[in-house]
Every structure is written in C-alpha cells, then in structure tokens.
C-alpha cells in the first residue's frame, strides 16, 4: 500500500516538474517581452526628453508594464545610495535570478551600462536599437522553444512519473 502511494506521489512530482519547466519558459518569454518594451520606452525618452539616467530609471520603474523587471528598482535604489550608474546597473542585473538564468540576455543588458548617460544621444539610441534587435531574436527563439516544450514537457513528465511509479511498485 505504501509503495502505491509513494508511486502515485512520485508520478505527480514528475508531472508537476514538466509543468514547472513550461512555466519557467513562460517567465523567460514574458521577461524578454518586457525588456523589449523597456528598450522602446528608453529610446522614446532619450529621443525626446534626453533625461539624466536617474530620471530615466525613475520613469522606467514607475511604468506598470515593467513591474516584472525587478532589476530596475534595485538599480535605482543603488543609484540613490551613491553607487555609480554602470556599477548599479550591472550589479542589479546580476542579482536578478531570472536574468541569471538567461546569461546571453544579462550580458546584453549589462553592456548597456557603458552607453547610457556616457555617450551622445544618437550613440545611446543606436546602441539601444542594436540591443533591441538582438533581444527580438532571443524572444523569437524563446517563443519557439515555449511552443515546442509546452506540448512536450507535461506529457513527458506524466510518462516519466508513471514509469517511475511502476518501477517503485513492482
């Protein structure tokens, strides 16, 4: 009896693992979409207002659509604490758990710290456009992986769970 219960729990665990992997892919897609929006807003603000980086960060943090980008408030807090922008930006990105799981994206965003507020407006706009196009390619790949994995991982988890349960029971 205990082995049946254990097998059922093990099967459920594998099935939930499949769903958890799909949820992680969904988080990555949502993060990349939010980063694309952030860069779009950033380019608009730079083009028309040309604010200093602290005002720019405040406007990004106050945008409701960017609330899932947790590194923005961390960066603003460090900037207000006296940390230079480049260090605050890079450190905030490296502290964000989701961005740590996406090293290519984190590297792209970190490189933005050397440009924002450090070069002329056109240079900042050009670099933002370059990063936006690279993030768009990453987003397309992530959406393809999500479409493929959302059909694959949950049934695979169920099958692995059933197999493990049968192995435990017999």
N, C-alpha and C. Protein backbone atom coordinates (compact mmCIF):
# COMPACT_ATOMS: atom_id res chain seq x y z
N UNK A 1 0.82 -1.20 0.00
CA UNK A 1 0.00 0.00 0.00
C UNK A 1 0.87 1.26 0.00
N UNK A 2 1.90 1.27 0.83
CA UNK A 2 2.78 2.44 0.89
C UNK A 2 3.50 2.66 -0.44
N UNK A 3 3.85 1.56 -1.11
CA UNK A 3 4.55 1.73 -2.38
C UNK A 3 3.61 2.29 -3.45
N UNK A 4 2.34 1.99 -3.37
CA UNK A 4 1.37 2.54 -4.32
C UNK A 4 1.23 4.04 -4.11
N UNK A 5 1.12 4.44 -2.84
CA UNK A 5 1.01 5.87 -2.52
C UNK A 5 2.30 6.59 -2.92
N UNK A 6 3.41 5.99 -2.61
CA UNK A 6 4.70 6.58 -2.99
C UNK A 6 4.84 6.69 -4.50
N UNK A 7 4.41 5.66 -5.21
CA UNK A 7 4.45 5.69 -6.68
C UNK A 7 3.56 6.77 -7.24
N UNK A 8 2.37 6.92 -6.67
CA UNK A 8 1.45 7.96 -7.14
C UNK A 8 2.04 9.35 -6.88
N UNK A 9 2.63 9.54 -5.71
CA UNK A 9 3.25 10.83 -5.39
C UNK A 9 4.45 11.11 -6.30
N UNK A 10 5.23 10.09 -6.57
CA UNK A 10 6.37 10.25 -7.47
C UNK A 10 5.90 10.60 -8.88
N UNK A 11 4.85 9.94 -9.34
CA UNK A 11 4.28 10.25 -10.64
C UNK A 11 3.79 11.68 -10.73
N UNK A 12 3.11 12.12 -9.68
CA UNK A 12 2.63 13.51 -9.64
C UNK A 12 3.78 14.49 -9.62
N UNK A 13 4.85 14.14 -8.91
CA UNK A 13 6.02 15.00 -8.86
C UNK A 13 6.66 15.21 -10.22
N UNK A 14 6.80 14.12 -10.97
CA UNK A 14 7.36 14.24 -12.32
C UNK A 14 6.44 15.07 -13.22
N UNK A 15 5.14 14.84 -13.10
CA UNK A 15 4.19 15.60 -13.92
C UNK A 15 4.26 17.09 -13.59
N UNK A 16 4.31 17.41 -12.32
CA UNK A 16 4.43 18.81 -11.92
C UNK A 16 5.76 19.41 -12.38
N UNK A 17 6.80 18.60 -12.41
CA UNK A 17 8.09 19.06 -12.92
C UNK A 17 7.99 19.49 -14.38
N UNK A 18 7.24 18.74 -15.17
CA UNK A 18 7.03 19.11 -16.57
C UNK A 18 6.31 20.44 -16.70
N UNK A 19 5.29 20.63 -15.88
CA UNK A 19 4.56 21.89 -15.89
C UNK A 19 5.44 23.04 -15.39
N UNK A 20 6.30 22.77 -14.42
CA UNK A 20 7.19 23.81 -13.90
C UNK A 20 8.20 24.26 -14.95
N UNK A 21 8.70 23.32 -15.75
CA UNK A 21 9.62 23.70 -16.82
C UNK A 21 8.95 24.58 -17.86
N UNK A 22 7.70 24.30 -18.16
CA UNK A 22 6.95 25.14 -19.10
C UNK A 22 6.72 26.53 -18.48
N UNK A 23 6.41 26.57 -17.20
CA UNK A 23 6.20 27.86 -16.53
C UNK A 23 7.48 28.70 -16.55
N UNK A 24 8.63 28.08 -16.39
CA UNK A 24 9.90 28.80 -16.46
C UNK A 24 10.12 29.38 -17.86
N UNK A 25 9.79 28.60 -18.88
CA UNK A 25 9.89 29.11 -20.25
C UNK A 25 8.94 30.30 -20.46
N UNK A 26 7.75 30.23 -19.87
CA UNK A 26 6.80 31.34 -19.99
C UNK A 26 7.34 32.58 -19.31
N UNK A 27 8.00 32.42 -18.17
CA UNK A 27 8.60 33.57 -17.47
C UNK A 27 9.69 34.21 -18.33
N UNK A 28 10.49 33.39 -18.98
CA UNK A 28 11.56 33.92 -19.82
C UNK A 28 11.00 34.70 -21.00
N UNK A 29 9.95 34.17 -21.62
CA UNK A 29 9.32 34.88 -22.74
C UNK A 29 8.75 36.21 -22.26
N UNK A 30 8.05 36.19 -21.12
CA UNK A 30 7.48 37.43 -20.58
C UNK A 30 8.56 38.44 -20.23
N UNK A 31 9.68 37.96 -19.71
CA UNK A 31 10.80 38.85 -19.38
C UNK A 31 11.37 39.48 -20.65
N UNK A 32 11.57 38.69 -21.68
CA UNK A 32 12.11 39.22 -22.93
C UNK A 32 11.14 40.23 -23.56
N UNK A 33 9.85 39.97 -23.45
CA UNK A 33 8.87 40.92 -23.97
C UNK A 33 8.93 42.23 -23.19
N UNK A 34 9.05 42.14 -21.87
CA UNK A 34 9.14 43.34 -21.05
C UNK A 34 10.43 44.11 -21.33
N UNK A 35 11.52 43.39 -21.57
CA UNK A 35 12.78 44.06 -21.90
C UNK A 35 12.69 44.79 -23.24
N UNK A 36 11.99 44.19 -24.20
CA UNK A 36 11.77 44.87 -25.48
C UNK A 36 10.97 46.15 -25.30
N UNK A 37 9.94 46.08 -24.46
CA UNK A 37 9.14 47.27 -24.16
C UNK A 37 9.99 48.31 -23.44
N UNK A 38 10.82 47.85 -22.50
CA UNK A 38 11.70 48.77 -21.77
C UNK A 38 12.61 49.53 -22.73
N UNK A 39 13.20 48.81 -23.68
CA UNK A 39 14.09 49.46 -24.64
C UNK A 39 13.33 50.44 -25.53
N UNK A 40 12.11 50.10 -25.88
CA UNK A 40 11.29 51.00 -26.68
C UNK A 40 11.00 52.29 -25.92
N UNK A 41 10.62 52.16 -24.66
CA UNK A 41 10.36 53.32 -23.81
C UNK A 41 11.63 54.13 -23.63
N UNK A 42 12.72 53.43 -23.40
CA UNK A 42 14.03 54.07 -23.22
C UNK A 42 14.40 54.90 -24.44
N UNK A 43 14.21 54.34 -25.61
CA UNK A 43 14.53 55.07 -26.84
C UNK A 43 13.64 56.30 -27.00
N UNK A 44 12.37 56.18 -26.69
CA UNK A 44 11.47 57.33 -26.79
C UNK A 44 11.85 58.44 -25.83
N UNK A 45 12.16 58.06 -24.61
CA UNK A 45 12.56 59.07 -23.61
C UNK A 45 13.88 59.74 -24.00
N UNK A 46 14.82 58.95 -24.47
CA UNK A 46 16.11 59.53 -24.88
C UNK A 46 15.94 60.46 -26.08
N UNK A 47 15.13 60.05 -27.03
CA UNK A 47 14.96 60.82 -28.27
C UNK A 47 14.31 62.17 -28.00
N UNK A 48 13.28 62.19 -27.13
CA UNK A 48 12.50 63.42 -26.99
C UNK A 48 12.80 64.21 -25.71
N UNK A 49 13.23 63.54 -24.66
CA UNK A 49 13.44 64.25 -23.40
C UNK A 49 14.91 64.36 -22.99
N UNK A 50 15.69 63.36 -23.36
CA UNK A 50 17.11 63.31 -23.04
C UNK A 50 17.38 63.54 -21.54
N UNK A 51 16.70 62.76 -20.67
CA UNK A 51 16.86 62.98 -19.23
C UNK A 51 18.15 62.33 -18.71
N UNK A 52 18.60 62.74 -17.52
CA UNK A 52 19.72 62.03 -16.89
C UNK A 52 19.28 60.61 -16.50
N UNK A 53 20.25 59.74 -16.25
CA UNK A 53 19.92 58.33 -16.03
C UNK A 53 19.05 58.10 -14.81
N UNK A 54 19.19 58.90 -13.76
CA UNK A 54 18.35 58.67 -12.58
C UNK A 54 16.88 58.99 -12.88
N UNK A 55 16.62 60.03 -13.64
CA UNK A 55 15.24 60.36 -14.02
C UNK A 55 14.71 59.31 -14.99
N UNK A 56 15.57 58.85 -15.86
CA UNK A 56 15.20 57.79 -16.80
C UNK A 56 14.80 56.52 -16.06
N UNK A 57 15.59 56.15 -15.08
CA UNK A 57 15.28 54.96 -14.27
C UNK A 57 13.99 55.13 -13.48
N UNK A 58 13.78 56.32 -12.93
CA UNK A 58 12.54 56.57 -12.19
C UNK A 58 11.32 56.39 -13.09
N UNK A 59 11.41 56.88 -14.32
CA UNK A 59 10.27 56.74 -15.23
C UNK A 59 10.06 55.27 -15.62
N UNK A 60 11.14 54.51 -15.78
CA UNK A 60 11.01 53.09 -16.09
C UNK A 60 10.41 52.33 -14.92
N UNK A 61 10.84 52.67 -13.71
CA UNK A 61 10.32 51.98 -12.52
C UNK A 61 8.84 52.29 -12.28
N UNK A 62 8.40 53.48 -12.67
CA UNK A 62 7.01 53.85 -12.43
C UNK A 62 6.06 53.30 -13.50
N UNK A 63 6.60 52.71 -14.55
CA UNK A 63 5.77 52.15 -15.61
C UNK A 63 5.21 50.80 -15.16
N UNK A 64 3.91 50.67 -15.14
CA UNK A 64 3.25 49.45 -14.65
C UNK A 64 3.58 48.24 -15.52
N UNK A 65 3.84 48.44 -16.79
CA UNK A 65 4.14 47.32 -17.69
C UNK A 65 5.51 46.72 -17.44
N UNK A 66 6.36 47.43 -16.70
CA UNK A 66 7.72 46.96 -16.46
C UNK A 66 7.93 46.48 -15.03
N UNK A 67 6.85 46.26 -14.29
CA UNK A 67 6.97 45.87 -12.89
C UNK A 67 7.65 44.52 -12.70
N UNK A 68 7.59 43.65 -13.71
CA UNK A 68 8.23 42.34 -13.57
C UNK A 68 9.74 42.39 -13.76
N UNK A 69 10.26 43.54 -14.19
CA UNK A 69 11.72 43.70 -14.32
C UNK A 69 12.26 44.17 -12.98
N UNK A 70 12.60 43.22 -12.13
CA UNK A 70 12.97 43.52 -10.75
C UNK A 70 14.31 44.21 -10.61
N UNK A 71 15.13 44.16 -11.65
CA UNK A 71 16.44 44.79 -11.54
C UNK A 71 16.36 46.32 -11.63
N UNK A 72 15.28 46.85 -12.20
CA UNK A 72 15.16 48.31 -12.34
C UNK A 72 15.06 49.02 -10.99
N UNK A 73 14.15 48.61 -10.08
CA UNK A 73 14.12 49.27 -8.77
C UNK A 73 15.40 49.04 -7.97
N UNK A 74 16.02 47.87 -8.11
CA UNK A 74 17.29 47.62 -7.42
C UNK A 74 18.36 48.58 -7.90
N UNK A 75 18.41 48.80 -9.20
CA UNK A 75 19.40 49.70 -9.77
C UNK A 75 19.14 51.13 -9.30
N UNK A 76 17.88 51.55 -9.30
CA UNK A 76 17.54 52.91 -8.86
C UNK A 76 17.90 53.11 -7.39
N UNK A 77 17.64 52.10 -6.58
CA UNK A 77 17.97 52.20 -5.15
C UNK A 77 19.48 52.34 -4.95
N UNK A 78 20.26 51.54 -5.68
CA UNK A 78 21.72 51.63 -5.57
C UNK A 78 22.22 52.98 -6.09
N UNK A 79 21.60 53.48 -7.14
CA UNK A 79 21.98 54.77 -7.70
C UNK A 79 21.71 55.89 -6.71
N UNK A 80 20.58 55.81 -6.04
CA UNK A 80 20.25 56.81 -5.00
C UNK A 80 21.19 56.69 -3.80
N UNK A 81 21.73 55.48 -3.59
CA UNK A 81 22.67 55.27 -2.49
C UNK A 81 24.08 55.75 -2.80
N UNK A 82 24.29 56.26 -4.00
CA UNK A 82 25.60 56.80 -4.35
C UNK A 82 26.46 55.92 -5.24
N UNK A 83 25.97 54.76 -5.60
CA UNK A 83 26.73 53.88 -6.49
C UNK A 83 26.70 54.46 -7.90
N UNK A 84 27.82 54.46 -8.60
CA UNK A 84 27.80 54.94 -9.99
C UNK A 84 26.85 54.09 -10.84
N UNK A 85 26.29 54.73 -11.88
CA UNK A 85 25.26 54.07 -12.68
C UNK A 85 25.74 52.75 -13.26
N UNK A 86 26.91 52.71 -13.86
CA UNK A 86 27.38 51.48 -14.53
C UNK A 86 27.45 50.32 -13.54
N UNK A 87 27.98 50.58 -12.35
CA UNK A 87 28.08 49.51 -11.34
C UNK A 87 26.70 49.13 -10.81
N UNK A 88 25.84 50.11 -10.57
CA UNK A 88 24.50 49.83 -10.06
C UNK A 88 23.70 49.00 -11.05
N UNK A 89 23.78 49.35 -12.32
CA UNK A 89 23.04 48.64 -13.38
C UNK A 89 23.52 47.20 -13.50
N UNK A 90 24.83 47.03 -13.59
CA UNK A 90 25.39 45.69 -13.76
C UNK A 90 25.12 44.81 -12.53
N UNK A 91 25.30 45.37 -11.34
CA UNK A 91 25.05 44.60 -10.12
C UNK A 91 23.59 44.19 -10.00
N UNK A 92 22.68 45.11 -10.35
CA UNK A 92 21.25 44.79 -10.26
C UNK A 92 20.88 43.67 -11.24
N UNK A 93 21.48 43.69 -12.41
CA UNK A 93 21.21 42.63 -13.39
C UNK A 93 21.73 41.29 -12.88
N UNK A 94 22.91 41.29 -12.29
CA UNK A 94 23.49 40.04 -11.80
C UNK A 94 22.77 39.50 -10.56
N UNK A 95 22.05 40.36 -9.84
CA UNK A 95 21.28 39.90 -8.68
C UNK A 95 19.91 39.35 -9.06
N UNK A 96 19.44 39.66 -10.24
CA UNK A 96 18.12 39.21 -10.69
C UNK A 96 18.20 37.72 -11.05
N UNK A 97 17.44 36.89 -10.36
CA UNK A 97 17.51 35.43 -10.54
C UNK A 97 17.10 35.01 -11.95
N UNK A 98 16.06 35.61 -12.48
CA UNK A 98 15.60 35.22 -13.82
C UNK A 98 16.64 35.59 -14.87
N UNK A 99 17.24 36.76 -14.75
CA UNK A 99 18.27 37.17 -15.72
C UNK A 99 19.53 36.33 -15.58
N UNK A 100 19.81 35.85 -14.37
CA UNK A 100 20.97 34.96 -14.20
C UNK A 100 20.76 33.65 -14.95
N UNK A 101 19.49 33.24 -15.10
CA UNK A 101 19.21 32.01 -15.83
C UNK A 101 19.23 32.25 -17.34
N UNK A 102 19.40 33.50 -17.75
CA UNK A 102 19.48 33.87 -19.17
C UNK A 102 20.77 34.67 -19.39
N UNK A 103 21.93 34.00 -19.37
CA UNK A 103 23.20 34.72 -19.39
C UNK A 103 23.42 35.59 -20.64
N UNK A 104 22.93 35.15 -21.78
CA UNK A 104 23.10 35.95 -23.00
C UNK A 104 22.35 37.28 -22.88
N UNK A 105 21.16 37.22 -22.34
CA UNK A 105 20.35 38.42 -22.15
C UNK A 105 20.98 39.32 -21.10
N UNK A 106 21.44 38.73 -20.00
CA UNK A 106 22.08 39.51 -18.95
C UNK A 106 23.33 40.22 -19.46
N UNK A 107 24.08 39.55 -20.29
CA UNK A 107 25.28 40.16 -20.87
C UNK A 107 24.93 41.34 -21.76
N UNK A 108 23.89 41.19 -22.58
CA UNK A 108 23.45 42.29 -23.43
C UNK A 108 23.03 43.50 -22.60
N UNK A 109 22.22 43.25 -21.58
CA UNK A 109 21.75 44.34 -20.74
C UNK A 109 22.89 45.00 -19.98
N UNK A 110 23.83 44.20 -19.51
CA UNK A 110 24.98 44.76 -18.78
C UNK A 110 25.79 45.68 -19.66
N UNK A 111 25.92 45.34 -20.94
CA UNK A 111 26.70 46.18 -21.84
C UNK A 111 26.06 47.54 -22.05
N UNK A 112 24.77 47.64 -21.80
CA UNK A 112 24.07 48.91 -21.94
C UNK A 112 24.56 49.95 -20.93
N UNK A 113 25.10 49.49 -19.81
CA UNK A 113 25.55 50.41 -18.76
C UNK A 113 26.70 51.30 -19.21
N UNK A 114 27.50 50.82 -20.16
CA UNK A 114 28.63 51.62 -20.63
C UNK A 114 28.18 52.73 -21.58
N UNK A 115 26.97 52.64 -22.09
CA UNK A 115 26.49 53.59 -23.09
C UNK A 115 25.51 54.61 -22.51
N UNK A 116 24.57 54.15 -21.68
CA UNK A 116 23.55 55.07 -21.15
C UNK A 116 24.18 56.18 -20.33
N UNK A 117 23.91 57.39 -20.72
CA UNK A 117 24.42 58.54 -20.00
C UNK A 117 25.89 58.82 -20.21
N UNK A 118 26.56 58.00 -21.01
CA UNK A 118 28.01 58.15 -21.19
C UNK A 118 28.40 58.65 -22.58
N UNK A 119 27.52 58.49 -23.55
CA UNK A 119 27.82 58.94 -24.92
C UNK A 119 26.70 59.87 -25.38
N UNK A 120 26.85 60.43 -26.57
CA UNK A 120 25.83 61.34 -27.08
C UNK A 120 24.51 60.59 -27.30
N UNK A 121 23.45 61.35 -27.45
CA UNK A 121 22.11 60.78 -27.54
C UNK A 121 21.99 59.82 -28.73
N UNK A 122 22.54 60.20 -29.88
CA UNK A 122 22.44 59.33 -31.05
C UNK A 122 23.16 58.00 -30.81
N UNK A 123 24.30 58.05 -30.14
CA UNK A 123 25.02 56.82 -29.81
C UNK A 123 24.21 55.93 -28.88
N UNK A 124 23.53 56.54 -27.91
CA UNK A 124 22.68 55.78 -27.00
C UNK A 124 21.51 55.15 -27.75
N UNK A 125 20.90 55.93 -28.64
CA UNK A 125 19.77 55.42 -29.42
C UNK A 125 20.19 54.27 -30.33
N UNK A 126 21.34 54.43 -30.98
CA UNK A 126 21.83 53.37 -31.88
C UNK A 126 22.11 52.09 -31.10
N UNK A 127 22.74 52.23 -29.93
CA UNK A 127 23.07 51.04 -29.15
C UNK A 127 21.80 50.37 -28.62
N UNK A 128 20.81 51.17 -28.20
CA UNK A 128 19.53 50.60 -27.75
C UNK A 128 18.85 49.85 -28.89
N UNK A 129 18.91 50.40 -30.10
CA UNK A 129 18.31 49.72 -31.25
C UNK A 129 19.02 48.41 -31.54
N UNK A 130 20.33 48.40 -31.41
CA UNK A 130 21.10 47.18 -31.64
C UNK A 130 20.73 46.11 -30.61
N UNK A 131 20.65 46.49 -29.37
CA UNK A 131 20.27 45.54 -28.31
C UNK A 131 18.83 45.07 -28.51
N UNK A 132 17.95 45.98 -28.89
CA UNK A 132 16.55 45.61 -29.12
C UNK A 132 16.43 44.56 -30.22
N UNK A 133 17.22 44.70 -31.28
CA UNK A 133 17.14 43.71 -32.36
C UNK A 133 17.68 42.35 -31.90
N UNK A 134 18.72 42.35 -31.08
CA UNK A 134 19.24 41.08 -30.55
C UNK A 134 18.25 40.44 -29.58
N UNK A 135 17.59 41.26 -28.76
CA UNK A 135 16.58 40.73 -27.85
C UNK A 135 15.38 40.19 -28.61
N UNK A 136 15.04 40.82 -29.73
CA UNK A 136 13.93 40.34 -30.55
C UNK A 136 14.24 38.94 -31.09
N UNK A 137 15.48 38.72 -31.51
CA UNK A 137 15.87 37.38 -31.98
C UNK A 137 15.80 36.37 -30.84
N UNK A 138 16.25 36.77 -29.64
CA UNK A 138 16.16 35.88 -28.48
C UNK A 138 14.70 35.58 -28.16
N UNK A 139 13.85 36.59 -28.27
CA UNK A 139 12.42 36.40 -27.99
C UNK A 139 11.80 35.41 -28.97
N UNK A 140 12.14 35.53 -30.23
CA UNK A 140 11.61 34.59 -31.23
C UNK A 140 12.04 33.16 -30.93
N UNK A 141 13.32 32.98 -30.56
CA UNK A 141 13.80 31.62 -30.21
C UNK A 141 13.09 31.10 -28.96
N UNK A 142 12.91 31.98 -27.97
CA UNK A 142 12.26 31.57 -26.73
C UNK A 142 10.80 31.20 -26.97
N UNK A 143 10.12 31.94 -27.83
CA UNK A 143 8.73 31.62 -28.15
C UNK A 143 8.63 30.29 -28.88
N UNK A 144 9.59 30.01 -29.76
CA UNK A 144 9.60 28.72 -30.46
C UNK A 144 9.83 27.58 -29.47
N UNK A 145 10.79 27.77 -28.55
CA UNK A 145 11.04 26.74 -27.52
C UNK A 145 9.81 26.53 -26.65
N UNK A 146 9.15 27.63 -26.29
CA UNK A 146 7.96 27.52 -25.45
C UNK A 146 6.86 26.75 -26.17
N UNK A 147 6.65 27.04 -27.44
CA UNK A 147 5.61 26.34 -28.19
C UNK A 147 5.92 24.84 -28.28
N UNK A 148 7.19 24.52 -28.50
CA UNK A 148 7.59 23.11 -28.60
C UNK A 148 7.53 22.44 -27.22
N UNK A 149 8.08 23.09 -26.22
CA UNK A 149 8.18 22.47 -24.90
C UNK A 149 6.85 22.39 -24.17
N UNK A 150 5.94 23.31 -24.45
CA UNK A 150 4.64 23.26 -23.76
C UNK A 150 3.83 22.05 -24.21
N UNK A 151 4.13 21.54 -25.38
CA UNK A 151 3.47 20.31 -25.84
C UNK A 151 4.25 19.06 -25.41
N UNK A 152 5.54 19.22 -25.12
CA UNK A 152 6.40 18.08 -24.84
C UNK A 152 6.55 17.78 -23.35
N UNK A 153 6.86 18.80 -22.54
CA UNK A 153 7.22 18.56 -21.15
C UNK A 153 6.12 17.99 -20.26
N UNK A 154 4.89 18.53 -20.28
CA UNK A 154 3.87 17.94 -19.40
C UNK A 154 3.59 16.46 -19.69
N UNK A 155 3.38 16.05 -20.95
CA UNK A 155 3.16 14.61 -21.18
C UNK A 155 4.40 13.77 -20.86
N UNK A 156 5.57 14.33 -21.13
CA UNK A 156 6.80 13.61 -20.81
C UNK A 156 6.93 13.42 -19.30
N UNK A 157 6.57 14.45 -18.55
CA UNK A 157 6.59 14.33 -17.09
C UNK A 157 5.62 13.27 -16.61
N UNK A 158 4.44 13.24 -17.23
CA UNK A 158 3.45 12.22 -16.86
C UNK A 158 3.97 10.81 -17.17
N UNK A 159 4.57 10.65 -18.34
CA UNK A 159 5.11 9.33 -18.71
C UNK A 159 6.25 8.91 -17.79
N UNK A 160 7.17 9.84 -17.52
CA UNK A 160 8.27 9.51 -16.62
C UNK A 160 7.76 9.19 -15.22
N UNK A 161 6.75 9.96 -14.79
CA UNK A 161 6.16 9.71 -13.48
C UNK A 161 5.49 8.35 -13.42
N UNK A 162 4.77 8.00 -14.47
CA UNK A 162 4.12 6.68 -14.49
C UNK A 162 5.15 5.57 -14.51
N UNK A 163 6.22 5.76 -15.29
CA UNK A 163 7.28 4.76 -15.34
C UNK A 163 7.95 4.61 -13.98
N UNK A 164 8.27 5.74 -13.34
CA UNK A 164 8.90 5.67 -12.02
C UNK A 164 7.97 5.03 -10.99
N UNK A 165 6.69 5.34 -11.08
CA UNK A 165 5.73 4.74 -10.16
C UNK A 165 5.64 3.23 -10.35
N UNK A 166 5.63 2.81 -11.60
CA UNK A 166 5.58 1.37 -11.87
C UNK A 166 6.86 0.68 -11.38
N UNK A 167 7.99 1.33 -11.56
CA UNK A 167 9.25 0.75 -11.10
C UNK A 167 9.26 0.65 -9.58
N UNK A 168 8.68 1.63 -8.91
CA UNK A 168 8.66 1.62 -7.45
C UNK A 168 7.69 0.55 -6.93
N UNK A 169 6.58 0.43 -7.58
CA UNK A 169 5.54 -0.51 -7.13
C UNK A 169 5.99 -1.94 -7.36
N UNK A 170 6.59 -2.21 -8.52
CA UNK A 170 6.96 -3.59 -8.85
C UNK A 170 8.39 -3.78 -8.69
